[in-house]
Structures are given as C-alpha cells and as structure tokens.
Full PDB file with SEQRES, HELIX, SHEET, SSBOND, CRYST1, ORIGX, SCALE, CONECT and MASTER records, all heavy atoms in Angstrom:
SEQRES   1 A   35  ARG PHE GLY LEU THR THR GLU ALA ARG GLU ASN ALA ALA          
SEQRES   2 A   35  ALA THR LEU PHE SER LEU SER ALA VAL HIS ASP TYR LYS          
SEQRES   3 A   35  LYS ARG ILE ALA ASP GLU GLY GLY ALA                          
HELIX    1 AA1 THR A    6  LEU A   19  1                                  14    
HELIX    2 AA2 HIS A   23  ASP A   31  1                                   9    
CRYST1    1.000    1.000    1.000  90.00  90.00  90.00 P 1           1          
ORIGX1      1.000000  0.000000  0.000000        0.00000                         
ORIGX2      0.000000  1.000000  0.000000        0.00000                         
ORIGX3      0.000000  0.000000  1.000000        0.00000                         
SCALE1      1.000000  0.000000  0.000000        0.00000                         
SCALE2      0.000000  1.000000  0.000000        0.00000                         
SCALE3      0.000000  0.000000  1.000000        0.00000                         
ATOM      1  N   ARG A   1      -4.067  20.948  -1.435  1.00  0.00           N  
ATOM      2  CA  ARG A   1      -3.128  21.567  -0.515  1.00  0.00           C  
ATOM      3  C   ARG A   1      -3.727  21.783   0.868  1.00  0.00           C  
ATOM      4  O   ARG A   1      -3.049  21.511   1.866  1.00  0.00           O  
ATOM      5  CB  ARG A   1      -2.697  22.927  -1.076  1.00  0.00           C  
ATOM      6  CG  ARG A   1      -2.016  22.886  -2.405  1.00  0.00           C  
ATOM      7  CD  ARG A   1      -1.700  24.254  -2.912  1.00  0.00           C  
ATOM      8  NE  ARG A   1      -0.752  25.026  -2.117  1.00  0.00           N  
ATOM      9  CZ  ARG A   1      -0.479  26.281  -2.227  1.00  0.00           C  
ATOM     10  NH1 ARG A   1      -1.111  27.033  -3.127  1.00  0.00           N  
ATOM     11  NH2 ARG A   1       0.389  26.851  -1.425  1.00  0.00           N  
ATOM     12  N   PHE A   2      -4.976  22.181   0.928  1.00  0.00           N  
ATOM     13  CA  PHE A   2      -5.510  22.623   2.220  1.00  0.00           C  
ATOM     14  C   PHE A   2      -6.856  21.964   2.538  1.00  0.00           C  
ATOM     15  O   PHE A   2      -7.649  22.409   3.334  1.00  0.00           O  
ATOM     16  CB  PHE A   2      -5.731  24.161   2.254  1.00  0.00           C  
ATOM     17  CG  PHE A   2      -4.515  24.891   1.842  1.00  0.00           C  
ATOM     18  CD1 PHE A   2      -4.492  25.658   0.657  1.00  0.00           C  
ATOM     19  CD2 PHE A   2      -3.386  24.881   2.613  1.00  0.00           C  
ATOM     20  CE1 PHE A   2      -3.402  26.383   0.272  1.00  0.00           C  
ATOM     21  CE2 PHE A   2      -2.224  25.609   2.272  1.00  0.00           C  
ATOM     22  CZ  PHE A   2      -2.229  26.348   1.082  1.00  0.00           C  
ATOM     23  N   GLY A   3      -7.161  20.852   1.871  1.00  0.00           N  
ATOM     24  CA  GLY A   3      -8.432  20.154   2.086  1.00  0.00           C  
ATOM     25  C   GLY A   3      -8.751  19.872   3.521  1.00  0.00           C  
ATOM     26  O   GLY A   3      -7.860  19.631   4.351  1.00  0.00           O  
ATOM     27  N   LEU A   4     -10.053  19.920   3.899  1.00  0.00           N  
ATOM     28  CA  LEU A   4     -10.466  19.829   5.294  1.00  0.00           C  
ATOM     29  C   LEU A   4     -10.441  18.394   5.843  1.00  0.00           C  
ATOM     30  O   LEU A   4     -10.473  18.174   7.032  1.00  0.00           O  
ATOM     31  CB  LEU A   4     -11.880  20.390   5.455  1.00  0.00           C  
ATOM     32  CG  LEU A   4     -11.994  21.894   5.088  1.00  0.00           C  
ATOM     33  CD1 LEU A   4     -13.425  22.380   5.146  1.00  0.00           C  
ATOM     34  CD2 LEU A   4     -11.110  22.784   5.994  1.00  0.00           C  
ATOM     35  N   THR A   5     -10.384  17.410   4.922  1.00  0.00           N  
ATOM     36  CA  THR A   5     -10.280  16.019   5.370  1.00  0.00           C  
ATOM     37  C   THR A   5      -9.247  15.335   4.543  1.00  0.00           C  
ATOM     38  O   THR A   5      -8.849  15.763   3.473  1.00  0.00           O  
ATOM     39  CB  THR A   5     -11.622  15.254   5.134  1.00  0.00           C  
ATOM     40  OG1 THR A   5     -11.894  15.131   3.726  1.00  0.00           O  
ATOM     41  CG2 THR A   5     -12.832  15.956   5.809  1.00  0.00           C  
ATOM     42  N   THR A   6      -8.702  14.252   5.090  1.00  0.00           N  
ATOM     43  CA  THR A   6      -7.723  13.434   4.383  1.00  0.00           C  
ATOM     44  C   THR A   6      -8.271  12.940   3.047  1.00  0.00           C  
ATOM     45  O   THR A   6      -7.600  12.935   2.043  1.00  0.00           O  
ATOM     46  CB  THR A   6      -7.280  12.264   5.268  1.00  0.00           C  
ATOM     47  OG1 THR A   6      -6.706  12.761   6.474  1.00  0.00           O  
ATOM     48  CG2 THR A   6      -6.236  11.385   4.548  1.00  0.00           C  
ATOM     49  N   GLU A   7      -9.487  12.456   3.096  1.00  0.00           N  
ATOM     50  CA  GLU A   7     -10.146  11.878   1.891  1.00  0.00           C  
ATOM     51  C   GLU A   7     -10.262  12.931   0.807  1.00  0.00           C  
ATOM     52  O   GLU A   7     -10.093  12.679  -0.385  1.00  0.00           O  
ATOM     53  CB  GLU A   7     -11.492  11.286   2.194  1.00  0.00           C  
ATOM     54  CG  GLU A   7     -11.405   9.966   2.989  1.00  0.00           C  
ATOM     55  CD  GLU A   7     -11.287  10.211   4.460  1.00  0.00           C  
ATOM     56  OE1 GLU A   7     -11.203  11.411   4.903  1.00  0.00           O  
ATOM     57  OE2 GLU A   7     -11.317   9.213   5.239  1.00  0.00           O  
ATOM     58  N   ALA A   8     -10.596  14.172   1.211  1.00  0.00           N  
ATOM     59  CA  ALA A   8     -10.718  15.256   0.198  1.00  0.00           C  
ATOM     60  C   ALA A   8      -9.378  15.520  -0.494  1.00  0.00           C  
ATOM     61  O   ALA A   8      -9.322  15.658  -1.712  1.00  0.00           O  
ATOM     62  CB  ALA A   8     -11.221  16.513   0.917  1.00  0.00           C  
ATOM     63  N   ARG A   9      -8.322  15.566   0.279  1.00  0.00           N  
ATOM     64  CA  ARG A   9      -7.020  15.788  -0.291  1.00  0.00           C  
ATOM     65  C   ARG A   9      -6.578  14.637  -1.191  1.00  0.00           C  
ATOM     66  O   ARG A   9      -6.015  14.845  -2.283  1.00  0.00           O  
ATOM     67  CB  ARG A   9      -5.947  16.013   0.799  1.00  0.00           C  
ATOM     68  CG  ARG A   9      -6.225  17.302   1.665  1.00  0.00           C  
ATOM     69  CD  ARG A   9      -5.011  17.570   2.556  1.00  0.00           C  
ATOM     70  NE  ARG A   9      -4.833  16.578   3.582  1.00  0.00           N  
ATOM     71  CZ  ARG A   9      -5.492  16.581   4.752  1.00  0.00           C  
ATOM     72  NH1 ARG A   9      -6.324  17.570   5.035  1.00  0.00           N  
ATOM     73  NH2 ARG A   9      -5.253  15.641   5.660  1.00  0.00           N  
ATOM     74  N   GLU A  10      -6.853  13.414  -0.759  1.00  0.00           N  
ATOM     75  CA  GLU A  10      -6.491  12.280  -1.572  1.00  0.00           C  
ATOM     76  C   GLU A  10      -7.294  12.231  -2.887  1.00  0.00           C  
ATOM     77  O   GLU A  10      -6.742  11.928  -3.982  1.00  0.00           O  
ATOM     78  CB  GLU A  10      -6.737  10.985  -0.811  1.00  0.00           C  
ATOM     79  CG  GLU A  10      -5.769  10.795   0.359  1.00  0.00           C  
ATOM     80  CD  GLU A  10      -6.128   9.599   1.250  1.00  0.00           C  
ATOM     81  OE1 GLU A  10      -7.265   9.107   1.138  1.00  0.00           O  
ATOM     82  OE2 GLU A  10      -5.308   9.216   2.082  1.00  0.00           O  
ATOM     83  N   ASN A  11      -8.606  12.559  -2.794  1.00  0.00           N  
ATOM     84  CA  ASN A  11      -9.421  12.517  -4.002  1.00  0.00           C  
ATOM     85  C   ASN A  11      -9.082  13.668  -4.944  1.00  0.00           C  
ATOM     86  O   ASN A  11      -9.279  13.520  -6.182  1.00  0.00           O  
ATOM     87  CB  ASN A  11     -10.886  12.571  -3.613  1.00  0.00           C  
ATOM     88  CG  ASN A  11     -11.369  11.299  -2.924  1.00  0.00           C  
ATOM     89  OD1 ASN A  11     -10.667  10.272  -2.962  1.00  0.00           O  
ATOM     90  ND2 ASN A  11     -12.492  11.325  -2.296  1.00  0.00           N  
ATOM     91  N   ALA A  12      -8.575  14.776  -4.386  1.00  0.00           N  
ATOM     92  CA  ALA A  12      -8.088  15.868  -5.258  1.00  0.00           C  
ATOM     93  C   ALA A  12      -6.846  15.366  -6.040  1.00  0.00           C  
ATOM     94  O   ALA A  12      -6.723  15.668  -7.258  1.00  0.00           O  
ATOM     95  CB  ALA A  12      -7.757  17.094  -4.441  1.00  0.00           C  
ATOM     96  N   ALA A  13      -5.957  14.624  -5.382  1.00  0.00           N  
ATOM     97  CA  ALA A  13      -4.801  14.090  -6.072  1.00  0.00           C  
ATOM     98  C   ALA A  13      -5.235  13.103  -7.155  1.00  0.00           C  
ATOM     99  O   ALA A  13      -4.692  13.089  -8.253  1.00  0.00           O  
ATOM    100  CB  ALA A  13      -3.869  13.411  -5.044  1.00  0.00           C  
ATOM    101  N   ALA A  14      -6.216  12.262  -6.813  1.00  0.00           N  
ATOM    102  CA  ALA A  14      -6.685  11.298  -7.806  1.00  0.00           C  
ATOM    103  C   ALA A  14      -7.348  12.022  -8.995  1.00  0.00           C  
ATOM    104  O   ALA A  14      -7.257  11.535 -10.155  1.00  0.00           O  
ATOM    105  CB  ALA A  14      -7.727  10.357  -7.172  1.00  0.00           C  
ATOM    106  N   THR A  15      -8.020  13.135  -8.748  1.00  0.00           N  
ATOM    107  CA  THR A  15      -8.567  13.943  -9.837  1.00  0.00           C  
ATOM    108  C   THR A  15      -7.494  14.462 -10.774  1.00  0.00           C  
ATOM    109  O   THR A  15      -7.640  14.425 -11.987  1.00  0.00           O  
ATOM    110  CB  THR A  15      -9.426  15.095  -9.258  1.00  0.00           C  
ATOM    111  OG1 THR A  15     -10.368  14.555  -8.347  1.00  0.00           O  
ATOM    112  CG2 THR A  15     -10.153  15.831 -10.395  1.00  0.00           C  
ATOM    113  N   LEU A  16      -6.419  14.964 -10.196  1.00  0.00           N  
ATOM    114  CA  LEU A  16      -5.277  15.431 -11.003  1.00  0.00           C  
ATOM    115  C   LEU A  16      -4.682  14.297 -11.822  1.00  0.00           C  
ATOM    116  O   LEU A  16      -4.380  14.459 -12.987  1.00  0.00           O  
ATOM    117  CB  LEU A  16      -4.220  16.062 -10.155  1.00  0.00           C  
ATOM    118  CG  LEU A  16      -4.605  17.390  -9.433  1.00  0.00           C  
ATOM    119  CD1 LEU A  16      -3.398  17.934  -8.680  1.00  0.00           C  
ATOM    120  CD2 LEU A  16      -5.162  18.406 -10.405  1.00  0.00           C  
ATOM    121  N   PHE A  17      -4.622  13.136 -11.220  1.00  0.00           N  
ATOM    122  CA  PHE A  17      -4.154  11.953 -11.957  1.00  0.00           C  
ATOM    123  C   PHE A  17      -5.050  11.634 -13.097  1.00  0.00           C  
ATOM    124  O   PHE A  17      -4.612  11.365 -14.252  1.00  0.00           O  
ATOM    125  CB  PHE A  17      -4.085  10.738 -10.993  1.00  0.00           C  
ATOM    126  CG  PHE A  17      -3.986   9.387 -11.673  1.00  0.00           C  
ATOM    127  CD1 PHE A  17      -2.914   9.121 -12.507  1.00  0.00           C  
ATOM    128  CD2 PHE A  17      -4.958   8.444 -11.531  1.00  0.00           C  
ATOM    129  CE1 PHE A  17      -2.801   7.899 -13.121  1.00  0.00           C  
ATOM    130  CE2 PHE A  17      -4.879   7.209 -12.119  1.00  0.00           C  
ATOM    131  CZ  PHE A  17      -3.767   6.943 -12.963  1.00  0.00           C  
ATOM    132  N   SER A  18      -6.349  11.713 -12.931  1.00  0.00           N  
ATOM    133  CA  SER A  18      -7.292  11.434 -13.973  1.00  0.00           C  
ATOM    134  C   SER A  18      -7.190  12.454 -15.102  1.00  0.00           C  
ATOM    135  O   SER A  18      -7.151  12.125 -16.294  1.00  0.00           O  
ATOM    136  CB  SER A  18      -8.759  11.438 -13.400  1.00  0.00           C  
ATOM    137  OG  SER A  18      -9.681  11.297 -14.426  1.00  0.00           O  
ATOM    138  N   LEU A  19      -7.101  13.736 -14.725  1.00  0.00           N  
ATOM    139  CA  LEU A  19      -7.044  14.798 -15.731  1.00  0.00           C  
ATOM    140  C   LEU A  19      -5.684  14.755 -16.503  1.00  0.00           C  
ATOM    141  O   LEU A  19      -5.670  15.036 -17.699  1.00  0.00           O  
ATOM    142  CB  LEU A  19      -7.142  16.152 -15.051  1.00  0.00           C  
ATOM    143  CG  LEU A  19      -8.525  16.448 -14.399  1.00  0.00           C  
ATOM    144  CD1 LEU A  19      -8.429  17.758 -13.604  1.00  0.00           C  
ATOM    145  CD2 LEU A  19      -9.602  16.554 -15.405  1.00  0.00           C  
ATOM    146  N   SER A  20      -4.640  14.300 -15.803  1.00  0.00           N  
ATOM    147  CA  SER A  20      -3.318  14.296 -16.488  1.00  0.00           C  
ATOM    148  C   SER A  20      -3.213  13.143 -17.477  1.00  0.00           C  
ATOM    149  O   SER A  20      -2.178  13.012 -18.132  1.00  0.00           O  
ATOM    150  CB  SER A  20      -2.240  14.153 -15.409  1.00  0.00           C  
ATOM    151  OG  SER A  20      -2.301  12.899 -14.758  1.00  0.00           O  
ATOM    152  N   ALA A  21      -4.211  12.324 -17.640  1.00  0.00           N  
ATOM    153  CA  ALA A  21      -4.234  11.271 -18.673  1.00  0.00           C  
ATOM    154  C   ALA A  21      -4.207  11.919 -20.066  1.00  0.00           C  
ATOM    155  O   ALA A  21      -3.809  11.295 -21.011  1.00  0.00           O  
ATOM    156  CB  ALA A  21      -5.431  10.355 -18.486  1.00  0.00           C  
ATOM    157  N   VAL A  22      -4.651  13.143 -20.162  1.00  0.00           N  
ATOM    158  CA  VAL A  22      -4.654  13.943 -21.415  1.00  0.00           C  
ATOM    159  C   VAL A  22      -3.283  14.627 -21.506  1.00  0.00           C  
ATOM    160  O   VAL A  22      -2.966  15.463 -20.648  1.00  0.00           O  
ATOM    161  CB  VAL A  22      -5.822  14.933 -21.514  1.00  0.00           C  
ATOM    162  CG1 VAL A  22      -5.693  15.699 -22.796  1.00  0.00           C  
ATOM    163  CG2 VAL A  22      -7.127  14.189 -21.411  1.00  0.00           C  
ATOM    164  N   HIS A  23      -2.529  14.339 -22.526  1.00  0.00           N  
ATOM    165  CA  HIS A  23      -1.131  14.851 -22.574  1.00  0.00           C  
ATOM    166  C   HIS A  23      -1.120  16.406 -22.551  1.00  0.00           C  
ATOM    167  O   HIS A  23      -0.288  16.984 -21.879  1.00  0.00           O  
ATOM    168  CB  HIS A  23      -0.460  14.360 -23.867  1.00  0.00           C  
ATOM    169  CG  HIS A  23       0.937  14.759 -24.002  1.00  0.00           C  
ATOM    170  ND1 HIS A  23       1.951  14.107 -23.240  1.00  0.00           N  
ATOM    171  CD2 HIS A  23       1.595  15.716 -24.709  1.00  0.00           C  
ATOM    172  CE1 HIS A  23       3.118  14.696 -23.540  1.00  0.00           C  
ATOM    173  NE2 HIS A  23       2.913  15.678 -24.416  1.00  0.00           N  
ATOM    174  N   ASP A  24      -2.053  17.053 -23.248  1.00  0.00           N  
ATOM    175  CA  ASP A  24      -2.076  18.492 -23.334  1.00  0.00           C  
ATOM    176  C   ASP A  24      -2.306  19.133 -21.946  1.00  0.00           C  
ATOM    177  O   ASP A  24      -1.988  20.346 -21.840  1.00  0.00           O  
ATOM    178  CB  ASP A  24      -3.122  18.975 -24.321  1.00  0.00           C  
ATOM    179  CG  ASP A  24      -2.815  18.582 -25.742  1.00  0.00           C  
ATOM    180  OD1 ASP A  24      -1.644  18.215 -25.994  1.00  0.00           O  
ATOM    181  OD2 ASP A  24      -3.693  18.609 -26.604  1.00  0.00           O  
ATOM    182  N   TYR A  25      -2.820  18.400 -20.997  1.00  0.00           N  
ATOM    183  CA  TYR A  25      -3.178  19.024 -19.679  1.00  0.00           C  
ATOM    184  C   TYR A  25      -2.004  18.844 -18.736  1.00  0.00           C  
ATOM    185  O   TYR A  25      -2.018  19.457 -17.616  1.00  0.00           O  
ATOM    186  CB  TYR A  25      -4.406  18.390 -19.092  1.00  0.00           C  
ATOM    187  CG  TYR A  25      -5.646  18.613 -19.949  1.00  0.00           C  
ATOM    188  CD1 TYR A  25      -6.727  17.753 -19.882  1.00  0.00           C  
ATOM    189  CD2 TYR A  25      -5.781  19.728 -20.845  1.00  0.00           C  
ATOM    190  CE1 TYR A  25      -7.892  17.931 -20.630  1.00  0.00           C  
ATOM    191  CE2 TYR A  25      -6.875  19.887 -21.576  1.00  0.00           C  
ATOM    192  CZ  TYR A  25      -7.931  19.021 -21.481  1.00  0.00           C  
ATOM    193  OH  TYR A  25      -9.053  19.192 -22.273  1.00  0.00           O  
ATOM    194  N   LYS A  26      -1.011  18.016 -19.001  1.00  0.00           N  
ATOM    195  CA  LYS A  26       0.025  17.736 -18.025  1.00  0.00           C  
ATOM    196  C   LYS A  26       0.838  18.976 -17.693  1.00  0.00           C  
ATOM    197  O   LYS A  26       1.150  19.199 -16.528  1.00  0.00           O  
ATOM    198  CB  LYS A  26       0.940  16.623 -18.586  1.00  0.00           C  
ATOM    199  CG  LYS A  26       0.233  15.313 -18.697  1.00  0.00           C  
ATOM    200  CD  LYS A  26       1.122  14.225 -19.352  1.00  0.00           C  
ATOM    201  CE  LYS A  26       0.327  12.945 -19.496  1.00  0.00           C  
ATOM    202  NZ  LYS A  26       1.096  11.867 -20.139  1.00  0.00           N  
ATOM    203  N   LYS A  27       1.148  19.784 -18.672  1.00  0.00           N  
ATOM    204  CA  LYS A  27       1.904  21.014 -18.482  1.00  0.00           C  
ATOM    205  C   LYS A  27       1.077  21.984 -17.647  1.00  0.00           C  
ATOM    206  O   LYS A  27       1.584  22.673 -16.734  1.00  0.00           O  
ATOM    207  CB  LYS A  27       2.326  21.605 -19.803  1.00  0.00           C  
ATOM    208  CG  LYS A  27       3.224  22.844 -19.679  1.00  0.00           C  
ATOM    209  CD  LYS A  27       4.613  22.425 -19.242  1.00  0.00           C  
ATOM    210  CE  LYS A  27       5.632  23.547 -19.429  1.00  0.00           C  
ATOM    211  NZ  LYS A  27       5.324  24.775 -18.704  1.00  0.00           N  
ATOM    212  N   ARG A  28      -0.210  22.157 -17.999  1.00  0.00           N  
ATOM    213  CA  ARG A  28      -1.083  23.065 -17.274  1.00  0.00           C  
ATOM    214  C   ARG A  28      -1.200  22.695 -15.786  1.00  0.00           C  
ATOM    215  O   ARG A  28      -1.158  23.584 -14.888  1.00  0.00           O  
ATOM    216  CB  ARG A  28      -2.478  23.108 -17.906  1.00  0.00           C  
ATOM    217  CG  ARG A  28      -2.546  23.871 -19.233  1.00  0.00           C  
ATOM    218  CD  ARG A  28      -3.952  23.867 -19.737  1.00  0.00           C  
ATOM    219  NE  ARG A  28      -4.919  24.409 -18.818  1.00  0.00           N  
ATOM    220  CZ  ARG A  28      -6.230  24.392 -19.042  1.00  0.00           C  
ATOM    221  NH1 ARG A  28      -6.748  23.876 -20.110  1.00  0.00           N  
ATOM    222  NH2 ARG A  28      -7.023  24.943 -18.106  1.00  0.00           N  
ATOM    223  N   ILE A  29      -1.319  21.422 -15.530  1.00  0.00           N  
ATOM    224  CA  ILE A  29      -1.443  20.954 -14.126  1.00  0.00           C  
ATOM    225  C   ILE A  29      -0.123  21.246 -13.372  1.00  0.00           C  
ATOM    226  O   ILE A  29      -0.154  21.742 -12.257  1.00  0.00           O  
ATOM    227  CB  ILE A  29      -1.793  19.465 -14.086  1.00  0.00           C  
ATOM    228  CG1 ILE A  29      -3.221  19.253 -14.633  1.00  0.00           C  
ATOM    229  CG2 ILE A  29      -1.696  18.947 -12.655  1.00  0.00           C  
ATOM    230  CD1 ILE A  29      -3.585  17.819 -14.867  1.00  0.00           C  
ATOM    231  N   ALA A  30       0.997  20.932 -14.006  1.00  0.00           N  
ATOM    232  CA  ALA A  30       2.280  21.140 -13.327  1.00  0.00           C  
ATOM    233  C   ALA A  30       2.512  22.629 -13.081  1.00  0.00           C  
ATOM    234  O   ALA A  30       3.148  22.982 -12.061  1.00  0.00           O  
ATOM    235  CB  ALA A  30       3.371  20.531 -14.165  1.00  0.00           C  
ATOM    236  N   ASP A  31       2.046  23.448 -13.959  1.00  0.00           N  
ATOM    237  CA  ASP A  31       2.260  24.919 -13.826  1.00  0.00           C  
ATOM    238  C   ASP A  31       1.312  25.570 -12.818  1.00  0.00           C  
ATOM    239  O   ASP A  31       1.537  26.733 -12.443  1.00  0.00           O  
ATOM    240  CB  ASP A  31       2.137  25.592 -15.168  1.00  0.00           C  
ATOM    241  CG  ASP A  31       3.302  25.264 -16.120  1.00  0.00           C  
ATOM    242  OD1 ASP A  31       4.362  24.849 -15.593  1.00  0.00           O  
ATOM    243  OD2 ASP A  31       3.193  25.479 -17.339  1.00  0.00           O  
ATOM    244  N   GLU A  32       0.287  24.848 -12.416  1.00  0.00           N  
ATOM    245  CA  GLU A  32      -0.665  25.410 -11.482  1.00  0.00           C  
ATOM    246  C   GLU A  32       0.035  25.536 -10.101  1.00  0.00           C  
ATOM    247  O   GLU A  32       0.570  24.575  -9.590  1.00  0.00           O  
ATOM    248  CB  GLU A  32      -1.895  24.519 -11.324  1.00  0.00           C  
ATOM    249  CG  GLU A  32      -3.038  25.093 -10.470  1.00  0.00           C  
ATOM    250  CD  GLU A  32      -3.689  26.326 -11.149  1.00  0.00           C  
ATOM    251  OE1 GLU A  32      -3.811  26.363 -12.367  1.00  0.00           O  
ATOM    252  OE2 GLU A  32      -4.069  27.228 -10.351  1.00  0.00           O  
ATOM    253  N   GLY A  33      -0.010  26.710  -9.559  1.00  0.00           N  
ATOM    254  CA  GLY A  33       0.723  27.032  -8.337  1.00  0.00           C  
ATOM    255  C   GLY A  33       0.458  26.010  -7.210  1.00  0.00           C  
ATOM    256  O   GLY A  33      -0.690  25.861  -6.768  1.00  0.00           O  
ATOM    257  N   GLY A  34       1.492  25.409  -6.718  1.00  0.00           N  
ATOM    258  CA  GLY A  34       1.399  24.524  -5.550  1.00  0.00           C  
ATOM    259  C   GLY A  34       0.978  23.041  -5.860  1.00  0.00           C  
ATOM    260  O   GLY A  34       0.982  22.221  -4.949  1.00  0.00           O  
ATOM    261  N   ALA A  35       0.658  22.779  -7.092  1.00  0.00           N  
ATOM    262  CA  ALA A  35       0.123  21.449  -7.396  1.00  0.00           C  
ATOM    263  C   ALA A  35       1.228  20.360  -7.217  1.00  0.00           C  
ATOM    264  O   ALA A  35       0.973  19.384  -6.500  1.00  0.00           O  
ATOM    265  CB  ALA A  35      -0.389  21.428  -8.860  1.00  0.00           C  
TER     266      ALA A  35                                                      
MASTER        0    0    0    2    0    0    0    6  265    1    0    3          
END                                                                             
C-alpha cells in the first residue's frame, strides 16, 4: 500500500501472489485490511 519505491510495492504484490498459491491462505490474504 505505502511502499517507498515502485519495486517494493510490486514485489509485495508478487509475494502475495506466491503465498496465495496455498488455498488455505487465500481467504486470510483477502481479509487482510487493504490488501
């Protein structure tokens, strides 16, 4: 949301993509405020 560089924000999105490969984590990620 507030990363100091473009690359940091993009890599944070890629990290969420990586973590969401596990089905059980998809709901937790979506429920995280602002994600």
